[in-house]
N, C-alpha and C. Protein backbone atom coordinates (compact mmCIF):
# COMPACT_ATOMS: atom_id res chain seq x y z
N UNK A 1 254.37 213.77 173.96
CA UNK A 1 253.72 212.52 174.96
C UNK A 1 252.25 212.11 174.08
N UNK A 2 251.81 210.98 174.24
CA UNK A 2 250.57 210.59 174.01
C UNK A 2 250.02 210.11 174.53
N UNK A 3 248.52 211.02 174.84
CA UNK A 3 247.80 211.14 175.96
C UNK A 3 246.30 210.41 175.16
N UNK A 4 245.77 210.35 176.12
CA UNK A 4 244.13 210.56 176.41
C UNK A 4 243.73 210.27 177.55
N UNK A 5 242.09 210.94 177.42
CA UNK A 5 241.22 210.87 178.44
C UNK A 5 240.23 209.17 178.63
N UNK A 6 240.60 208.83 180.19
CA UNK A 6 239.56 207.31 180.15
C UNK A 6 239.17 207.22 181.60
N UNK A 7 238.50 205.64 181.49
CA UNK A 7 238.07 205.22 183.09
C UNK A 7 238.73 204.41 183.46
N UNK A 8 239.19 204.33 184.58
CA UNK A 8 239.74 202.88 184.72
C UNK A 8 238.70 201.76 185.33
N UNK A 9 239.08 200.97 185.30
CA UNK A 9 238.28 199.82 185.70
C UNK A 9 238.40 198.69 187.46
N UNK A 10 237.69 199.12 188.03
CA UNK A 10 238.38 198.52 189.40
C UNK A 10 238.66 196.91 189.42
N UNK A 11 239.56 196.55 190.35
CA UNK A 11 239.84 195.27 190.51
C UNK A 11 239.30 194.12 189.78
N UNK A 12 238.04 194.23 190.54
CA UNK A 12 236.92 192.75 190.56
C UNK A 12 236.84 193.12 188.89
N UNK A 13 236.28 194.56 188.62
CA UNK A 13 236.29 194.64 186.86
C UNK A 13 237.41 193.93 186.20
N UNK A 14 238.35 194.68 186.38
CA UNK A 14 239.85 194.31 185.49
C UNK A 14 239.85 192.65 185.27
N UNK A 15 239.41 191.74 186.72
CA UNK A 15 239.63 190.37 186.89
C UNK A 15 239.16 189.68 185.81
N UNK A 16 237.42 190.01 186.14
CA UNK A 16 236.53 190.44 184.51
C UNK A 16 237.07 189.89 183.67
N UNK A 17 237.55 191.26 183.18
CA UNK A 17 237.81 191.27 181.82
C UNK A 17 239.27 190.30 181.03
N UNK A 18 239.29 190.31 182.30
CA UNK A 18 240.85 189.19 181.95
C UNK A 18 240.30 187.86 181.41
N UNK A 19 239.42 187.50 182.68
CA UNK A 19 238.67 186.07 182.68
C UNK A 19 238.14 186.09 180.87
N UNK A 20 237.34 187.10 180.58
CA UNK A 20 236.82 187.01 179.52
C UNK A 20 237.79 186.88 178.29
N UNK A 21 239.09 187.57 178.06
CA UNK A 21 240.11 187.75 177.31
C UNK A 21 240.38 186.51 177.12
N UNK A 22 241.23 186.12 178.46
CA UNK A 22 241.59 184.64 178.25
C UNK A 22 240.68 183.27 178.03
N UNK A 23 239.15 183.46 177.61
CA UNK A 23 238.49 182.78 177.31
C UNK A 23 238.21 182.58 175.51
N UNK A 24 238.08 184.05 175.35
CA UNK A 24 238.16 184.36 173.34
C UNK A 24 239.55 183.89 173.31
N UNK A 25 240.77 184.34 174.28
CA UNK A 25 242.29 183.74 172.99
C UNK A 25 242.09 182.10 172.88
N UNK A 26 241.29 181.19 174.00
CA UNK A 26 241.36 179.90 173.20
C UNK A 26 240.41 179.81 171.98
N UNK A 27 239.59 180.83 171.23
CA UNK A 27 239.00 180.53 169.94
C UNK A 27 239.07 181.60 169.27
N UNK A 28 239.62 182.59 169.67
CA UNK A 28 239.93 183.98 168.88
C UNK A 28 241.34 184.38 168.98
N UNK A 29 242.30 183.51 167.74
CA UNK A 29 243.68 184.17 167.33
C UNK A 29 243.45 185.85 167.01
N UNK A 30 244.65 185.99 167.78
CA UNK A 30 245.01 187.91 167.71
C UNK A 30 246.12 187.52 168.94
N UNK A 31 246.44 189.62 168.79
CA UNK A 31 247.52 189.88 170.23
C UNK A 31 246.67 190.62 170.74
N UNK A 32 246.51 189.62 172.12
CA UNK A 32 246.02 190.14 172.93
C UNK A 32 246.37 191.22 174.18
N UNK A 33 245.90 192.61 174.51
CA UNK A 33 246.36 193.43 175.37
C UNK A 33 246.58 193.16 176.95
N UNK A 34 247.47 193.58 177.48
CA UNK A 34 247.77 193.30 178.72
C UNK A 34 246.54 193.64 179.48
N UNK A 35 246.18 192.98 180.36
CA UNK A 35 244.92 193.04 181.26
C UNK A 35 245.16 194.21 182.09
N UNK A 36 246.07 194.83 182.13
CA UNK A 36 246.34 196.25 183.33
C UNK A 36 246.17 197.18 182.10
N UNK A 37 246.29 197.22 181.19
CA UNK A 37 245.87 198.16 180.44
C UNK A 37 244.19 198.29 179.64
N UNK A 38 243.50 197.54 180.28
CA UNK A 38 241.96 197.49 179.77
C UNK A 38 241.56 198.89 180.86
N UNK A 39 240.99 199.28 179.79
CA UNK A 39 240.44 200.71 180.35
C UNK A 39 239.22 201.12 179.21
N UNK A 40 238.69 202.32 179.31
CA UNK A 40 237.36 202.57 178.43
C UNK A 40 237.90 204.26 178.09
N UNK A 41 238.26 204.05 176.94
CA UNK A 41 238.72 205.53 176.40
C UNK A 41 237.76 206.50 176.10
N UNK A 42 237.42 207.81 176.55
CA UNK A 42 236.71 208.89 176.78
C UNK A 42 236.83 209.88 175.61
N UNK A 43 238.11 209.70 175.35
CA UNK A 43 238.72 210.90 174.46
C UNK A 43 240.06 210.40 173.89
N UNK A 44 240.32 209.90 172.56
CA UNK A 44 242.16 210.37 172.16
C UNK A 44 242.67 211.60 171.55
N UNK A 45 243.83 212.14 172.41
CA UNK A 45 244.28 213.43 172.28
C UNK A 45 245.39 213.11 171.26
N UNK A 46 246.05 211.86 171.97
CA UNK A 46 247.30 211.65 170.47
C UNK A 46 248.85 212.57 171.08
N UNK A 47 249.47 213.04 170.28
CA UNK A 47 250.91 213.48 170.90
C UNK A 47 250.30 214.78 170.94
N UNK A 48 250.87 215.14 172.24
CA UNK A 48 250.69 216.41 173.00
C UNK A 48 252.17 216.76 173.54
N UNK A 49 252.49 217.97 173.43
CA UNK A 49 254.26 218.52 173.70
C UNK A 49 253.84 218.71 175.47
N UNK A 50 254.78 218.41 176.34
CA UNK A 50 254.67 218.18 177.80
C UNK A 50 254.47 219.02 178.30
N UNK A 51 254.65 220.53 177.49
CA UNK A 51 254.14 221.70 178.14
C UNK A 51 252.78 221.80 178.01
N UNK A 52 252.15 221.09 177.08
CA UNK A 52 250.39 221.54 177.52
C UNK A 52 249.73 219.98 178.37
N UNK A 53 250.31 219.75 179.03
CA UNK A 53 250.07 218.63 180.30
C UNK A 53 249.03 219.44 181.05
N UNK A 54 249.23 220.64 181.44
CA UNK A 54 248.25 221.11 182.66
C UNK A 54 247.55 221.29 181.74
N UNK A 55 247.42 221.81 180.35
CA UNK A 55 246.43 222.01 179.76
C UNK A 55 245.47 220.85 179.57
N UNK A 56 245.79 219.95 179.04
CA UNK A 56 244.93 218.74 178.56
C UNK A 56 244.21 218.11 180.22
N UNK A 57 244.85 218.25 181.60
CA UNK A 57 244.31 218.35 182.69
C UNK A 57 242.90 219.17 183.07
N UNK A 58 243.44 220.81 182.74
CA UNK A 58 242.11 221.52 182.67
C UNK A 58 240.94 221.65 182.10
N UNK A 59 241.29 220.53 180.58
CA UNK A 59 240.20 220.17 180.13
C UNK A 59 239.08 218.99 180.53
N UNK A 60 239.72 218.16 181.14
CA UNK A 60 239.33 217.14 181.69
C UNK A 60 238.83 217.49 182.67
N UNK A 61 239.45 217.94 183.81
CA UNK A 61 238.24 218.66 185.06
C UNK A 61 237.11 219.39 184.36
N UNK A 62 237.52 220.58 183.70
CA UNK A 62 236.10 221.27 183.21
C UNK A 62 235.01 220.68 183.17
N UNK A 63 235.23 219.28 181.92
CA UNK A 63 234.41 218.60 181.72
C UNK A 63 233.46 217.99 182.27
N UNK A 64 234.48 217.06 183.58
CA UNK A 64 234.04 216.08 184.61
C UNK A 64 233.37 216.39 185.18
N UNK A 65 233.82 217.75 185.71
CA UNK A 65 232.85 218.44 186.57
C UNK A 65 231.64 219.05 186.76
N UNK A 66 231.42 218.87 185.46
CA UNK A 66 229.54 218.86 185.11
C UNK A 66 229.14 217.12 184.41
N UNK A 67 229.59 216.53 184.96
CA UNK A 67 228.80 215.28 184.40
C UNK A 67 228.98 214.08 185.44
N UNK A 68 227.95 213.70 185.63
CA UNK A 68 227.66 212.96 186.93
C UNK A 68 228.26 211.58 186.22
N UNK A 69 228.81 210.61 187.87
CA UNK A 69 229.57 209.17 187.66
C UNK A 69 228.53 208.23 187.06
N UNK A 70 229.11 208.18 186.11
CA UNK A 70 228.24 206.77 185.12
C UNK A 70 228.32 205.67 185.83
N UNK A 71 227.41 204.76 185.60
CA UNK A 71 226.52 203.92 185.99
C UNK A 71 227.42 202.97 184.62
N UNK A 72 228.45 202.15 184.32
CA UNK A 72 228.93 201.00 183.54
C UNK A 72 228.48 199.76 183.19
N UNK A 73 227.99 199.48 182.36
CA UNK A 73 227.86 197.43 181.96
C UNK A 73 228.40 197.24 180.96
N UNK A 74 229.06 196.13 181.40
CA UNK A 74 229.93 195.44 180.04
C UNK A 74 228.95 194.52 179.84
N UNK A 75 228.92 194.71 177.80
CA UNK A 75 227.64 194.38 177.61
C UNK A 75 227.84 193.19 176.26
N UNK A 76 228.96 192.50 177.00
CA UNK A 76 229.52 191.12 175.76
C UNK A 76 230.46 191.51 174.82
N UNK A 77 231.01 190.53 173.80
CA UNK A 77 231.94 190.89 172.99
C UNK A 77 231.14 191.54 171.77
N UNK A 78 232.06 192.30 170.97
CA UNK A 78 231.64 192.63 169.71
C UNK A 78 232.86 192.82 168.76
N UNK A 79 233.38 193.50 167.55
CA UNK A 79 234.53 194.21 167.10
C UNK A 79 234.15 195.25 165.91
N UNK A 80 235.58 195.65 165.73
CA UNK A 80 235.56 196.66 164.95
C UNK A 80 236.60 196.14 163.55
N UNK A 81 236.28 196.86 162.60
CA UNK A 81 237.09 196.16 161.67
C UNK A 81 236.36 195.36 161.01
N UNK A 82 236.91 194.42 160.15
CA UNK A 82 236.79 193.29 159.39
C UNK A 82 237.37 191.83 160.37
N UNK A 83 236.19 190.91 159.65
CA UNK A 83 236.66 189.92 160.51
C UNK A 83 237.76 189.42 160.44
N UNK A 84 238.19 189.29 159.98
CA UNK A 84 239.83 188.30 159.00
C UNK A 84 240.45 188.87 159.61
N UNK A 85 240.21 190.13 160.40
CA UNK A 85 241.58 190.94 160.99
C UNK A 85 241.39 192.55 161.72
N UNK A 86 240.20 191.90 163.15
CA UNK A 86 239.67 192.88 163.46
C UNK A 86 240.17 193.26 164.90
N UNK A 87 239.16 193.91 165.81
CA UNK A 87 239.82 194.38 166.88
C UNK A 87 238.50 193.60 167.81
N UNK A 88 239.12 193.31 168.56
CA UNK A 88 238.03 192.54 169.55
C UNK A 88 237.73 193.37 170.57
N UNK A 89 236.43 193.49 170.90
CA UNK A 89 236.44 194.74 172.49
C UNK A 89 235.32 193.41 173.27
N UNK A 90 234.97 194.46 174.25
CA UNK A 90 233.59 194.12 175.33
C UNK A 90 233.12 195.33 174.95
N UNK A 91 231.63 195.37 174.71
CA UNK A 91 230.71 196.21 174.43
C UNK A 91 230.88 197.22 175.72
N UNK A 92 230.41 198.72 176.18
CA UNK A 92 230.07 199.06 177.14
C UNK A 92 229.21 200.15 177.13
N UNK A 93 227.99 199.70 178.36
CA UNK A 93 226.84 200.69 177.94
C UNK A 93 227.08 201.66 179.16
N UNK A 94 226.58 202.78 179.15
CA UNK A 94 226.70 203.42 180.39
C UNK A 94 225.23 204.37 180.46
N UNK A 95 225.27 204.84 181.73
CA UNK A 95 224.02 205.95 182.17
C UNK A 95 224.61 206.48 183.35
N UNK A 96 224.54 208.02 182.99
CA UNK A 96 223.89 208.41 181.76
C UNK A 96 225.06 208.08 180.52
N UNK A 97 224.50 208.14 179.32
CA UNK A 97 225.49 207.82 178.25
C UNK A 97 226.46 208.73 178.10
N UNK A 98 227.71 208.57 177.58
CA UNK A 98 228.74 208.79 177.52
C UNK A 98 229.12 209.55 176.70
N UNK A 99 228.49 209.65 175.32
CA UNK A 99 228.44 210.64 174.13
C UNK A 99 228.29 212.20 174.64
N UNK A 100 227.69 213.02 175.58
CA UNK A 100 227.96 214.43 175.96
C UNK A 100 229.14 214.52 176.02
N UNK A 101 229.36 213.33 177.04
CA UNK A 101 231.22 214.14 177.80
C UNK A 101 231.91 214.02 177.13
N UNK A 102 232.14 212.88 175.92
CA UNK A 102 232.79 212.52 174.66
C UNK A 102 233.12 213.80 173.83
N UNK A 103 231.76 214.38 173.60
CA UNK A 103 231.42 215.38 172.60
C UNK A 103 232.02 216.82 173.37
N UNK A 104 232.04 216.96 174.66
CA UNK A 104 232.23 218.28 175.89
C UNK A 104 233.80 217.95 175.67
N UNK A 105 234.46 216.94 175.57
CA UNK A 105 235.88 216.98 175.88
C UNK A 105 236.33 217.06 174.68
N UNK A 106 235.97 216.35 173.37
CA UNK A 106 236.53 217.18 172.01
C UNK A 106 236.31 218.81 171.75
N UNK A 107 235.64 218.95 171.91
CA UNK A 107 234.90 220.34 171.69
C UNK A 107 235.46 220.93 172.49
N UNK A 108 236.22 221.07 173.78
CA UNK A 108 237.08 221.82 174.71
C UNK A 108 238.37 221.58 174.32
N UNK A 109 238.60 220.39 173.95
CA UNK A 109 240.40 220.27 173.00
C UNK A 109 240.50 220.80 172.07
N UNK A 110 239.56 221.29 171.65
CA UNK A 110 239.73 221.83 170.04
C UNK A 110 239.93 223.56 170.50
N UNK A 111 239.04 224.06 171.31
CA UNK A 111 238.74 225.39 171.63
C UNK A 111 240.19 225.50 172.72
N UNK A 112 240.60 224.40 173.51
CA UNK A 112 242.03 224.83 173.94
C UNK A 112 243.35 224.78 172.61
N UNK A 113 243.08 224.26 171.85
CA UNK A 113 244.10 224.31 170.61
C UNK A 113 244.99 222.92 170.93
N UNK A 114 244.37 222.21 171.55
CA UNK A 114 245.11 220.53 171.88
C UNK A 114 244.50 219.88 170.52
N UNK A 115 245.09 218.93 170.47
CA UNK A 115 244.15 217.23 168.93
C UNK A 115 243.11 216.56 170.16
N UNK A 116 242.27 216.18 169.23
CA UNK A 116 241.08 215.53 169.59
C UNK A 116 240.71 214.69 168.29
N UNK A 117 240.80 213.18 168.81
CA UNK A 117 240.44 212.52 167.31
C UNK A 117 238.88 212.49 167.17
N UNK A 118 239.11 213.02 165.64
CA UNK A 118 237.42 213.44 165.48
C UNK A 118 236.56 211.82 165.00
N UNK A 119 237.43 211.08 165.31
CA UNK A 119 236.49 209.42 164.73
C UNK A 119 234.73 209.36 165.66
N UNK A 120 234.50 208.64 165.17
CA UNK A 120 233.51 208.36 165.96
C UNK A 120 233.61 207.73 167.46
N UNK A 121 232.66 207.94 168.06
CA UNK A 121 233.14 207.72 169.54
C UNK A 121 232.39 206.17 170.42
N UNK A 122 232.66 205.18 170.53
CA UNK A 122 231.93 203.71 170.91
C UNK A 122 232.26 202.89 172.00
N UNK A 123 231.63 204.03 173.41
CA UNK A 123 232.56 202.73 174.69
C UNK A 123 233.03 201.33 174.46
N UNK A 124 234.06 200.98 174.82
CA UNK A 124 234.15 199.66 174.80
C UNK A 124 235.59 199.40 175.71
N UNK A 125 235.99 198.33 175.92
CA UNK A 125 237.47 197.89 175.90
C UNK A 125 237.86 196.78 175.08
N UNK A 126 239.38 197.34 174.57
CA UNK A 126 239.63 196.80 173.59
C UNK A 126 240.49 195.65 174.27
N UNK A 127 239.75 194.45 173.62
CA UNK A 127 241.04 192.90 174.11
C UNK A 127 241.77 192.52 173.16
N UNK A 128 242.07 192.65 172.19
CA UNK A 128 242.76 192.05 170.96
C UNK A 128 242.75 192.99 169.91
N UNK A 129 244.32 193.17 169.18
CA UNK A 129 244.35 193.51 167.84
C UNK A 129 244.68 192.59 166.81
N UNK A 130 244.34 192.82 165.83
CA UNK A 130 244.58 191.79 164.53
C UNK A 130 244.02 190.16 164.60
N UNK A 131 242.48 190.44 165.28
CA UNK A 131 241.88 189.41 165.87
C UNK A 131 241.32 188.59 164.69
N UNK A 132 241.29 187.26 164.56
CA UNK A 132 240.01 186.50 162.84
C UNK A 132 238.90 186.11 164.35
N UNK A 133 238.20 187.10 163.79
CA UNK A 133 237.03 187.14 164.69
C UNK A 133 236.05 185.79 163.88
N UNK A 134 235.45 185.02 164.86
CA UNK A 134 234.49 183.82 164.16
C UNK A 134 232.93 184.07 163.59
N UNK A 135 232.13 183.38 163.20
CA UNK A 135 230.85 183.91 163.17
C UNK A 135 230.14 184.24 164.67
N UNK A 136 229.92 183.09 165.58
CA UNK A 136 229.82 183.44 166.83
C UNK A 136 230.50 183.75 167.99
N UNK A 137 230.59 184.96 168.33
CA UNK A 137 231.81 185.21 169.60
C UNK A 137 230.81 184.26 170.70
N UNK A 138 231.95 184.25 171.60
CA UNK A 138 231.65 183.63 172.84
C UNK A 138 230.85 184.30 173.95
N UNK A 139 230.41 183.94 174.88
CA UNK A 139 229.49 184.76 176.11
C UNK A 139 230.43 185.19 177.09
N UNK A 140 230.38 186.36 177.46
CA UNK A 140 231.09 187.14 178.54
C UNK A 140 230.18 187.49 179.11
N UNK A 141 229.97 187.56 180.37
CA UNK A 141 228.90 188.00 181.75
C UNK A 141 228.88 189.45 181.79
N UNK A 142 227.24 189.94 181.96
CA UNK A 142 227.25 191.43 181.92
C UNK A 142 227.42 191.71 183.74
N UNK A 143 228.15 192.96 183.52
CA UNK A 143 228.58 193.15 184.91
C UNK A 143 228.05 194.98 185.02
N UNK A 144 228.06 195.46 185.73
CA UNK A 144 227.90 196.94 186.30
C UNK A 144 229.44 197.27 186.71
N UNK A 145 229.40 198.42 187.32
CA UNK A 145 230.41 198.92 187.90
C UNK A 145 230.10 200.81 187.99
N UNK A 146 230.14 201.71 188.65
CA UNK A 146 230.27 203.05 188.30
C UNK A 146 231.71 203.61 188.87
N UNK A 147 232.15 204.36 188.05
CA UNK A 147 233.32 205.12 187.80
C UNK A 147 232.88 206.68 188.34
N UNK A 148 233.80 206.88 189.38
CA UNK A 148 233.44 208.00 190.58
C UNK A 148 234.86 209.08 189.49
N UNK A 149 235.38 208.75 188.49
CA UNK A 149 236.65 209.68 188.39
C UNK A 149 237.01 209.14 186.98
N UNK A 150 237.52 209.88 186.32
CA UNK A 150 238.54 210.20 185.21
C UNK A 150 239.51 210.50 184.77
N UNK A 151 240.47 209.82 183.83
CA UNK A 151 242.17 210.02 184.53
C UNK A 151 242.24 211.03 182.81
N UNK A 152 243.60 211.48 182.76
CA UNK A 152 244.67 211.59 181.65
C UNK A 152 245.39 210.80 181.75
N UNK A 153 245.35 209.94 180.67
CA UNK A 153 246.58 208.69 180.78
C UNK A 153 247.92 208.90 179.58
N UNK A 154 249.22 208.18 179.79
CA UNK A 154 249.99 208.68 179.01
C UNK A 154 250.06 207.04 178.62
N UNK A 155 250.10 207.04 177.12
CA UNK A 155 250.52 206.03 176.57
C UNK A 155 251.71 205.92 175.84
N UNK A 156 252.73 204.90 176.79
CA UNK A 156 254.34 205.03 176.40
C UNK A 156 254.58 203.63 176.48
N UNK A 157 255.64 203.44 175.54
CA UNK A 157 256.19 201.83 176.24
C UNK A 157 257.44 201.53 177.10
N UNK A 158 257.50 200.92 177.54
CA UNK A 158 258.12 201.00 179.02
C UNK A 158 259.89 200.45 178.46
N UNK A 159 260.52 200.08 179.43
CA UNK A 159 261.91 199.70 178.93
C UNK A 159 262.27 198.35 178.41
N UNK A 160 261.31 197.72 178.43
CA UNK A 160 261.09 196.33 178.16
C UNK A 160 260.18 196.49 176.57
N UNK A 161 259.79 197.87 176.10
CA UNK A 161 259.26 198.25 175.00
C UNK A 161 257.60 197.39 174.87
N UNK A 162 257.34 197.37 176.39
CA UNK A 162 256.07 196.88 176.51
C UNK A 162 255.20 198.24 176.84
N UNK A 163 253.73 198.12 176.10
CA UNK A 163 253.02 199.70 175.83
C UNK A 163 252.30 199.35 177.26
N UNK A 164 252.09 200.50 177.86
CA UNK A 164 251.68 200.48 179.44
C UNK A 164 250.75 202.12 179.26
N UNK A 165 249.64 201.97 179.75
CA UNK A 165 248.68 202.94 179.92
C UNK A 165 248.75 203.59 181.43
N UNK A 166 249.35 204.99 181.79
CA UNK A 166 249.47 205.32 182.84
C UNK A 166 248.77 206.43 183.01
N UNK A 167 247.98 206.29 184.48
CA UNK A 167 247.12 207.59 184.98
C UNK A 167 248.36 208.54 185.26
N UNK A 168 248.22 209.56 184.66
CA UNK A 168 248.60 210.84 184.89
C UNK A 168 247.86 211.99 186.05
N UNK A 169 246.61 212.09 186.21
CA UNK A 169 245.97 212.51 186.74
C UNK A 169 244.58 212.19 186.59
N UNK A 170 243.68 212.31 188.36
CA UNK A 170 242.29 212.11 188.30
C UNK A 170 242.06 213.04 188.58
N UNK A 171 240.72 212.94 187.83
CA UNK A 171 239.57 214.14 188.08
C UNK A 171 238.24 213.21 188.38
N UNK A 172 237.87 213.94 189.66
CA UNK A 172 236.72 213.45 189.86
C UNK A 172 235.12 213.73 189.19
N UNK A 173 234.44 213.27 188.93
CA UNK A 173 232.92 213.48 188.37
C UNK A 173 232.27 214.35 189.17
N UNK A 174 230.86 214.82 189.06
CA UNK A 174 230.13 216.00 189.69
C UNK A 174 229.64 214.86 190.68
N UNK A 175 228.84 215.41 191.83
CA UNK A 175 228.15 214.45 192.83
C UNK A 175 226.73 214.29 192.31
């Protein structure tokens, strides 16, 4: 099972990210993600044996229980990689900062013998891959929302070979 921990978007925020993606599509060619897959990754686990799924949920529960519900703000377009073949994203700012939660998740995953991507953490929403990034990026409005819970997501292709992100468990943040 290919798993990650993440934050879902409320419907009105997902509608806004879909509008940003649609506006970008007109000026930035690339392979755009399904809008229903828009999310914020907290930690990527990768391939996890099915029998370890409960262990992954337990890690998320232990870490989320100590973290307050974050206030998240969409903070405009940016990209990772090279401009000729980049990953178009919407930056996300958080209060409190999500870095300590990410670090706790990665550490607790390793302690539990589960995989954790060691790469750098930068909260974002992926809009497109293989994007040709122009010198000037379009503007996308700043919107804020609270995340009351985190999720264990399954990343898998459906019967039509379309990649879908499905929340398997929902874990509330501390009060």
